[in-house]
Each structure stands twice: as structure tokens, then as C-alpha cells.
Amino acid sequence: MKWGTKYPANDVNRLYQAVRASTPGDIRFYCLTDDANGIDTGITVLPIPDLPLSMGGAERGWRKLALFNPQLTAIQGPTLFLDLDMIIVGSLAPFFEVGQDFSVIKDYKRIRYRNRYTGNTSVFLYIGGQDYGMYPRLQELGPAVATMYRNEQEFLSDTMRLIGKLRYWPRSWCPSYKYDCIPSFPMSLWQTPQMPADAKVLVFHGHPKPEEAAIGAGNKWYRPTRAAPWLSRYL
């Protein structure tokens, strides 16, 4: 999904090429967006469906829930959602072989949530066209949902938990660049960030972003780190 101006079309195209290179067989790649300019012709572009309620200007990541709009009938069957600011470093085939109809990353910093089961929705698999009760629940809760849940991934995880469908990827599949690649301080001052074994997707949340990490920029003052030039091959 791409809306607003935070991510250019090139980020969509780069992810598309990476998915094609790391997924055996034919794929259907969709981008839900409000601006299709510059997006590769091999990508199926769809408008972002409406949410069933206004979030009062706090929609941001909540727009991911538009994937569960009952009127979005173009996407059917097992579907892997990927954020744009991530790097694919291994085969995506195992994500489709887990035998579940919803799987997500177990969030990296669970202390910031009111529960211990919230998933990180940078990478999740769902069944396109399946009714998970997402929209009826949003309508039932109304605008209060934004005060009940910190963000869309907390709401999505709780909804899937309530219907017994919350499952997690193996921890090693989707490591966080920030928490799993960068050595602990003070070793981060002289040791280069490393790719974890068994990684398939590197998740970049907050800063640094992939381009920043490659040159050692974009870090908080309390998390200094060296450049990771090996990331350049994926950019």
C-alpha cells in the first residue's frame, strides 16, 4: 500500500522486482494506492478502499485494514502483505507453506503494548476474500477504536486472537534490522551490522531506513552504528 508522498513509486517497483526474484512460480503483485504514476506496468494497481469509519485524522497505518473491505474482491486466496520499507533477503515461498489463514510477525518491543500478543504488520499473510469480521467490528466500536488500540496492528492482532486465528512466523524469518542486525552498544561502534541466519525479510521500522543503514546514517544518538554496505545489493 502507498498513499501520500512518504514513499515514491520506485519503492513499489523495487519491492516488486525483489518479490519476483525470490518467489518461485507466477505471482500476482498488487499495489493499493492513491497515485499510480511511475508504478511498473507489471503491477496491478487498485484504489485504496474506504474504511467503515473516519479515524479523525489519525488514519495513517489504519489504512492497512482496508485490505479487509468486503468490497475488495480483486484480491483472492493466500496473500502476503509487505510494507514498502523492507528488504527481501531470502525465499518467500515458506510464508505460503505455513498452513494457516493468518500469520504475522510477533512484535519486537511488546512492552509498548497493553498486551503480549500484538503482531508487527510489516509482513502478514491473510486469505483475500475471507470474512474475518474486521469491518463489522470496526463499525461496532466506532471512533472509540482509536483510543482502545494504540494502532492498527494492535487492533488487527486482537481481532484475530478473538476469532482464534492469530499465528506468528518463526522469529528468525523476519528479523528487525534495528534489534537483530546492529550489535549492542558499545560493540556497535566497531562491529558492522550482520545479516541473521535464516532471515527472509529484513524489517526496517522507524530509523534507520534501508538507504540510511547502508551508509551508517539515520540512527538515534543512543544507538550509534557502523555502515552496512552489504545492504546496497538489495537497494
Protein backbone atom coordinates (compact mmCIF):
# COMPACT_ATOMS: atom_id res chain seq x y z
CA MET A 1 0.00 0.00 0.00
CA LYS A 2 1.20 3.50 -0.83
CA TRP A 3 -0.56 6.74 -0.01
CA GLY A 4 0.56 10.32 0.28
CA THR A 5 4.13 11.31 -0.56
CA LYS A 6 6.21 9.41 2.02
CA TYR A 7 7.20 6.66 -0.43
CA PRO A 8 7.94 7.18 -4.15
CA ALA A 9 6.83 4.81 -6.91
CA ASN A 10 10.40 3.50 -7.12
CA ASP A 11 9.99 1.87 -3.71
CA VAL A 12 7.00 -0.07 -5.04
CA ASN A 13 8.90 -1.12 -8.16
CA ARG A 14 11.95 -2.22 -6.15
CA LEU A 15 9.81 -4.38 -3.90
CA TYR A 16 8.06 -5.87 -6.92
CA GLN A 17 11.36 -6.86 -8.53
CA ALA A 18 12.60 -8.35 -5.26
CA VAL A 19 9.41 -10.38 -4.83
CA ARG A 20 9.65 -11.69 -8.39
CA ALA A 21 13.27 -12.71 -7.84
CA SER A 22 12.59 -14.50 -4.55
CA THR A 23 9.29 -16.26 -5.25
CA PRO A 24 9.17 -19.39 -7.42
CA GLY A 25 6.39 -19.66 -9.98
CA ASP A 26 3.95 -17.00 -11.10
CA ILE A 27 2.90 -14.20 -8.80
CA ARG A 28 0.24 -11.52 -8.76
CA PHE A 29 1.57 -8.31 -7.26
CA TYR A 30 -0.90 -5.64 -6.17
CA CYS A 31 -0.37 -2.09 -5.03
CA LEU A 32 -3.24 -0.26 -3.38
CA THR A 33 -2.53 3.43 -3.85
CA ASP A 34 -3.91 6.92 -4.40
CA ASP A 35 -1.25 7.69 -7.03
CA ALA A 36 -0.27 5.16 -9.73
CA ASN A 37 2.21 7.43 -11.52
CA GLY A 38 5.55 5.72 -12.16
CA ILE A 39 4.47 2.27 -10.96
CA ASP A 40 5.72 -0.67 -13.06
CA THR A 41 3.22 -1.95 -15.63
CA GLY A 42 3.61 -5.49 -14.26
CA ILE A 43 1.95 -4.39 -11.03
CA THR A 44 -1.82 -4.46 -10.68
CA VAL A 45 -2.82 -1.09 -9.25
CA LEU A 46 -6.01 -0.79 -7.21
CA PRO A 47 -7.55 2.16 -5.36
CA ILE A 48 -7.43 2.07 -1.57
CA PRO A 49 -10.91 1.11 -0.32
CA ASP A 50 -12.60 3.21 2.32
CA LEU A 51 -12.56 2.32 5.99
CA PRO A 52 -16.00 1.96 7.57
CA LEU A 53 -15.43 4.99 9.81
CA SER A 54 -13.35 8.14 9.98
CA MET A 55 -10.35 7.93 12.30
CA GLY A 56 -10.41 11.69 12.85
CA GLY A 57 -7.18 12.39 11.01
CA ALA A 58 -5.30 9.53 12.69
CA GLU A 59 -5.68 7.04 9.83
CA ARG A 60 -2.02 6.51 8.94
CA GLY A 61 -1.36 2.78 9.33
CA TRP A 62 -5.04 2.11 9.99
CA ARG A 63 -5.46 2.18 6.23
CA LYS A 64 -3.96 -1.31 6.10
CA LEU A 65 -7.31 -2.54 7.39
CA ALA A 66 -8.81 -1.53 4.04
CA LEU A 67 -7.44 -4.86 2.79
CA PHE A 68 -10.37 -6.44 4.66
CA ASN A 69 -13.03 -4.31 2.97
CA PRO A 70 -15.72 -6.79 1.79
CA GLN A 71 -15.93 -4.87 -1.49
CA LEU A 72 -12.27 -5.55 -2.30
CA THR A 73 -12.92 -8.65 -4.37
CA ALA A 74 -9.95 -8.39 -6.76
CA ILE A 75 -7.54 -9.99 -4.26
CA GLN A 76 -8.41 -13.61 -3.56
CA GLY A 77 -6.67 -16.51 -1.83
CA PRO A 78 -3.44 -16.63 0.22
CA THR A 79 -1.93 -13.15 0.11
CA LEU A 80 1.29 -11.85 1.64
CA PHE A 81 1.25 -8.20 2.67
CA LEU A 82 4.62 -6.43 2.67
CA ASP A 83 5.48 -2.94 3.86
CA LEU A 84 7.45 -0.86 1.36
CA ASP A 85 10.43 -0.11 3.64
CA MET A 86 11.78 -3.63 3.94
CA ILE A 87 14.41 -5.73 2.25
CA ILE A 88 13.82 -9.25 0.94
CA VAL A 89 16.91 -11.38 1.54
CA GLY A 90 15.60 -14.94 1.09
CA SER A 91 12.86 -17.04 -0.44
CA LEU A 92 9.27 -16.01 0.24
CA ALA A 93 7.94 -19.49 -0.54
CA PRO A 94 7.90 -20.63 3.14
CA PHE A 95 5.45 -17.86 4.01
CA PHE A 96 2.87 -19.59 1.81
CA GLU A 97 3.59 -23.03 3.25
CA VAL A 98 2.69 -22.44 6.89
CA GLY A 99 -0.82 -23.87 6.56
CA GLN A 100 -2.53 -21.01 8.40
CA ASP A 101 -5.02 -18.45 7.15
CA PHE A 102 -3.44 -15.60 9.14
CA SER A 103 0.16 -15.24 10.29
CA VAL A 104 2.11 -12.19 11.41
CA ILE A 105 5.42 -11.16 13.00
CA LYS A 106 5.47 -11.28 16.80
CA ASP A 107 6.21 -7.65 17.63
CA TYR A 108 9.78 -6.87 18.62
CA LYS A 109 9.05 -4.47 21.52
CA ARG A 110 5.98 -5.87 23.22
CA ILE A 111 6.49 -3.66 26.29
CA ARG A 112 4.95 -0.72 24.45
CA TYR A 113 1.63 -2.53 24.04
CA ARG A 114 -1.09 -3.28 26.53
CA ASN A 115 -0.85 -6.97 25.73
CA ARG A 116 1.81 -9.54 24.91
CA TYR A 117 0.31 -10.89 21.72
CA THR A 118 0.41 -7.88 19.36
CA GLY A 119 1.92 -8.63 15.96
CA ASN A 120 4.00 -6.38 13.75
CA THR A 121 2.10 -5.98 10.47
CA SER A 122 5.13 -5.24 8.31
CA VAL A 123 4.69 -8.79 6.99
CA PHE A 124 1.49 -10.77 7.35
CA LEU A 125 -0.40 -13.42 5.42
CA TYR A 126 -4.17 -13.49 5.11
CA ILE A 127 -6.75 -15.03 2.81
CA GLY A 128 -8.02 -12.47 0.34
CA GLY A 129 -11.82 -12.55 0.19
CA GLN A 130 -12.22 -14.28 3.56
CA ASP A 131 -14.52 -12.63 6.09
CA TYR A 132 -12.63 -12.15 9.36
CA GLY A 133 -15.29 -9.85 10.83
CA MET A 134 -12.88 -6.92 10.69
CA TYR A 135 -15.22 -4.30 9.26
CA PRO A 136 -18.25 -5.21 11.40
CA ARG A 137 -16.05 -4.90 14.49
CA LEU A 138 -14.72 -1.52 13.37
CA GLN A 139 -18.28 -0.33 12.82
CA GLU A 140 -19.36 -1.65 16.21
CA LEU A 141 -16.53 0.04 18.10
CA GLY A 142 -16.76 3.28 16.12
CA PRO A 143 -14.30 6.16 16.68
CA ALA A 144 -13.51 4.78 20.16
CA VAL A 145 -11.31 2.17 18.45
CA ALA A 146 -8.54 4.78 18.18
CA THR A 147 -8.44 5.16 21.97
CA MET A 148 -8.88 1.45 22.71
CA TYR A 149 -5.97 0.43 20.49
CA ARG A 150 -2.60 2.11 20.03
CA ASN A 151 -2.54 1.42 16.30
CA GLU A 152 -3.94 -0.80 13.56
CA GLN A 153 -1.63 -3.73 14.30
CA GLU A 154 -2.82 -3.89 17.90
CA PHE A 155 -6.44 -3.91 16.70
CA LEU A 156 -5.77 -6.45 13.94
CA SER A 157 -3.90 -8.79 16.28
CA ASP A 158 -6.63 -8.63 18.91
CA THR A 159 -9.37 -9.24 16.36
CA MET A 160 -7.56 -12.30 15.02
CA ARG A 161 -6.95 -13.51 18.58
CA LEU A 162 -10.65 -13.24 19.41
CA ILE A 163 -11.60 -15.46 16.47
CA GLY A 164 -8.77 -17.93 17.15
CA LYS A 165 -6.68 -17.18 14.07
CA LEU A 166 -3.64 -15.35 15.49
CA ARG A 167 -0.43 -17.15 14.49
CA TYR A 168 3.18 -15.96 14.26
CA TRP A 169 6.02 -16.51 11.84
CA PRO A 170 9.16 -18.23 13.16
CA ARG A 171 11.15 -15.48 14.88
CA SER A 172 14.16 -15.91 12.57
CA TRP A 173 12.23 -15.27 9.35
CA CYS A 174 11.60 -11.55 9.80
CA PRO A 175 14.38 -10.07 11.93
CA SER A 176 14.43 -6.39 12.79
CA TYR A 177 17.42 -4.56 11.38
CA LYS A 178 17.42 -2.29 14.42
CA TYR A 179 17.25 -5.03 17.06
CA ASP A 180 18.71 -8.10 15.35
CA CYS A 181 21.39 -6.84 12.94
CA ILE A 182 23.03 -3.98 14.85
CA PRO A 183 25.38 -5.15 17.63
CA SER A 184 24.72 -3.92 21.15
CA PHE A 185 26.47 -0.75 22.31
CA PRO A 186 29.44 -0.26 22.59
CA MET A 187 30.24 -3.07 20.11
CA SER A 188 28.14 -1.23 17.51
CA LEU A 189 30.91 1.38 17.38
CA TRP A 190 33.37 -1.02 15.74
CA GLN A 191 31.37 -4.05 14.57
CA THR A 192 29.49 -3.99 11.26
CA PRO A 193 25.80 -4.97 11.38
CA GLN A 194 25.31 -8.56 10.24
CA MET A 195 22.57 -10.49 8.50
CA PRO A 196 20.95 -13.01 10.89
CA ALA A 197 20.88 -16.66 9.83
CA ASP A 198 17.61 -17.88 8.27
CA ALA A 199 16.45 -14.32 7.55
CA LYS A 200 13.99 -13.99 4.68
CA VAL A 201 12.85 -10.39 5.15
CA LEU A 202 14.66 -7.60 6.99
CA VAL A 203 12.20 -5.26 8.68
CA PHE A 204 13.02 -1.56 9.00
CA HIS A 205 10.76 0.24 11.46
CA GLY A 206 11.47 3.80 12.44
CA HIS A 207 15.08 4.72 11.63
CA PRO A 208 17.42 3.88 10.07
CA LYS A 209 15.68 3.17 6.77
CA PRO A 210 17.43 0.80 4.32
CA GLU A 211 19.24 3.56 2.45
CA GLU A 212 20.38 5.13 5.72
CA ALA A 213 21.52 1.82 7.19
CA ALA A 214 23.72 1.10 4.18
CA ILE A 215 25.80 4.22 4.88
CA GLY A 216 25.51 4.22 8.69
CA ALA A 217 23.13 7.21 8.89
CA GLY A 218 19.73 7.82 10.45
CA ASN A 219 20.47 6.41 13.90
CA LYS A 220 19.41 7.80 17.25
CA TRP A 221 22.24 9.33 19.29
CA TYR A 222 21.97 6.47 21.78
CA ARG A 223 22.19 3.79 19.05
CA PRO A 224 25.33 4.63 17.03
CA THR A 225 26.22 2.09 14.38
CA ARG A 226 28.57 1.47 11.51
CA ALA A 227 27.51 1.32 7.87
CA ALA A 228 26.21 -1.95 6.41
CA PRO A 229 27.43 -1.77 2.78
CA TRP A 230 26.13 -5.31 2.13
CA LEU A 231 22.64 -3.81 2.08
CA SER A 232 23.43 -1.97 -1.16
CA ARG A 233 22.92 -5.12 -3.24
CA TYR A 234 19.24 -5.04 -2.26
CA LEU A 235 18.63 -1.33 -2.91
